[in-house]
Protein backbone atom coordinates (compact mmCIF):
# COMPACT_ATOMS: atom_id res chain seq x y z
CA MET A 1 0.00 0.00 0.00
CA LYS A 2 1.11 3.54 -0.66
CA ALA A 3 1.83 5.69 2.37
CA ASP A 4 -0.27 8.76 3.26
CA ILE A 5 -3.09 8.24 0.74
CA HIS A 6 -5.58 6.42 2.99
CA PRO A 7 -7.99 8.20 5.36
CA ASP A 8 -7.60 7.86 9.11
CA TYR A 9 -9.58 4.78 10.22
CA HIS A 10 -10.35 4.91 13.95
CA ASN A 11 -12.94 4.01 16.62
CA VAL A 12 -16.08 6.17 16.59
CA VAL A 13 -19.32 6.08 18.63
CA PHE A 14 -22.50 6.54 16.58
CA HIS A 15 -25.56 7.84 18.46
CA ASP A 16 -29.04 7.32 17.02
CA VAL A 17 -30.85 10.38 18.39
CA THR A 18 -34.36 9.05 17.67
CA SER A 19 -33.99 5.89 19.76
CA ASP A 20 -31.08 6.92 22.04
CA PHE A 21 -29.06 3.92 20.83
CA LYS A 22 -25.25 4.10 20.76
CA PHE A 23 -22.75 1.74 19.21
CA LEU A 24 -18.99 1.68 18.86
CA THR A 25 -17.45 0.86 15.49
CA ARG A 26 -14.57 1.89 13.28
CA SER A 27 -15.00 4.62 10.70
CA THR A 28 -13.23 7.37 8.79
CA MET A 29 -15.75 9.94 10.06
CA SER A 30 -14.65 12.40 12.71
CA SER A 31 -16.38 14.83 15.03
CA LYS A 32 -15.54 17.54 17.53
CA ASP A 33 -17.99 15.97 20.01
CA THR A 34 -16.65 13.20 22.22
CA VAL A 35 -18.22 10.68 24.58
CA LYS A 36 -16.83 8.43 27.28
CA TRP A 37 -17.59 4.82 26.36
CA GLU A 38 -18.19 1.79 28.62
CA ASP A 39 -14.51 0.82 28.52
CA GLY A 40 -13.49 4.17 30.02
CA GLU A 41 -11.97 5.52 26.79
CA GLU A 42 -13.14 8.70 25.09
CA TYR A 43 -14.17 8.47 21.43
CA PRO A 44 -15.51 10.90 18.80
CA LEU A 45 -19.33 11.04 18.76
CA VAL A 46 -21.27 11.14 15.47
CA LYS A 47 -25.02 11.74 15.73
CA VAL A 48 -27.30 10.05 13.18
CA GLU A 49 -31.07 10.20 12.70
CA ILE A 50 -31.65 6.58 11.67
CA SER A 51 -29.85 3.35 12.54
CA SER A 52 -30.85 -0.30 12.80
CA ALA A 53 -32.49 0.51 16.17
CA SER A 54 -34.98 2.93 14.61
CA HIS A 55 -35.28 1.90 10.94
CA PRO A 56 -38.68 0.32 10.12
CA PHE A 57 -37.09 -2.50 8.11
CA TYR A 58 -35.15 -3.75 11.15
CA THR A 59 -37.70 -2.94 13.88
CA GLY A 60 -40.86 -4.00 12.05
CA LYS A 61 -42.56 -0.81 13.27
CA HIS A 62 -43.53 2.08 11.05
CA LYS A 63 -42.36 5.44 12.44
CA VAL A 64 -42.65 8.71 10.59
CA ILE A 65 -39.52 10.77 11.15
CA ASP A 66 -39.87 14.10 9.43
CA THR A 67 -37.16 16.50 10.50
CA SER A 68 -37.62 19.15 7.85
CA GLY A 69 -41.34 19.11 6.97
CA ARG A 70 -40.91 17.10 3.79
CA ILE A 71 -44.15 15.16 4.25
CA ASP A 72 -46.19 18.34 4.74
CA LYS A 73 -44.61 19.94 1.68
CA PHE A 74 -45.39 16.85 -0.41
CA GLN A 75 -49.01 16.69 0.78
CA LYS A 76 -49.57 20.39 0.10
CA ARG A 77 -48.04 20.16 -3.35
CA TYR A 78 -50.03 17.12 -4.49
CA ALA A 79 -53.27 17.63 -2.56
CA ARG A 80 -56.41 17.47 -4.69
């Protein structure tokens, strides 16, 4: 492999804000926010809106998550 062409691959905590679910994995993403994990180490924290803990395909439950009013805009535009 060539040196200095690959992104930094490190441990990151992802936080699903809709279901308050957190998981530790490795990623190239970074963040200024940090969180102390169960092992006592501090890791960068990346907040996401949907993960396997809140996605309808994985949970079997249908939840409407509309953070920017997209559903209302669609219904207004195509209302008859």
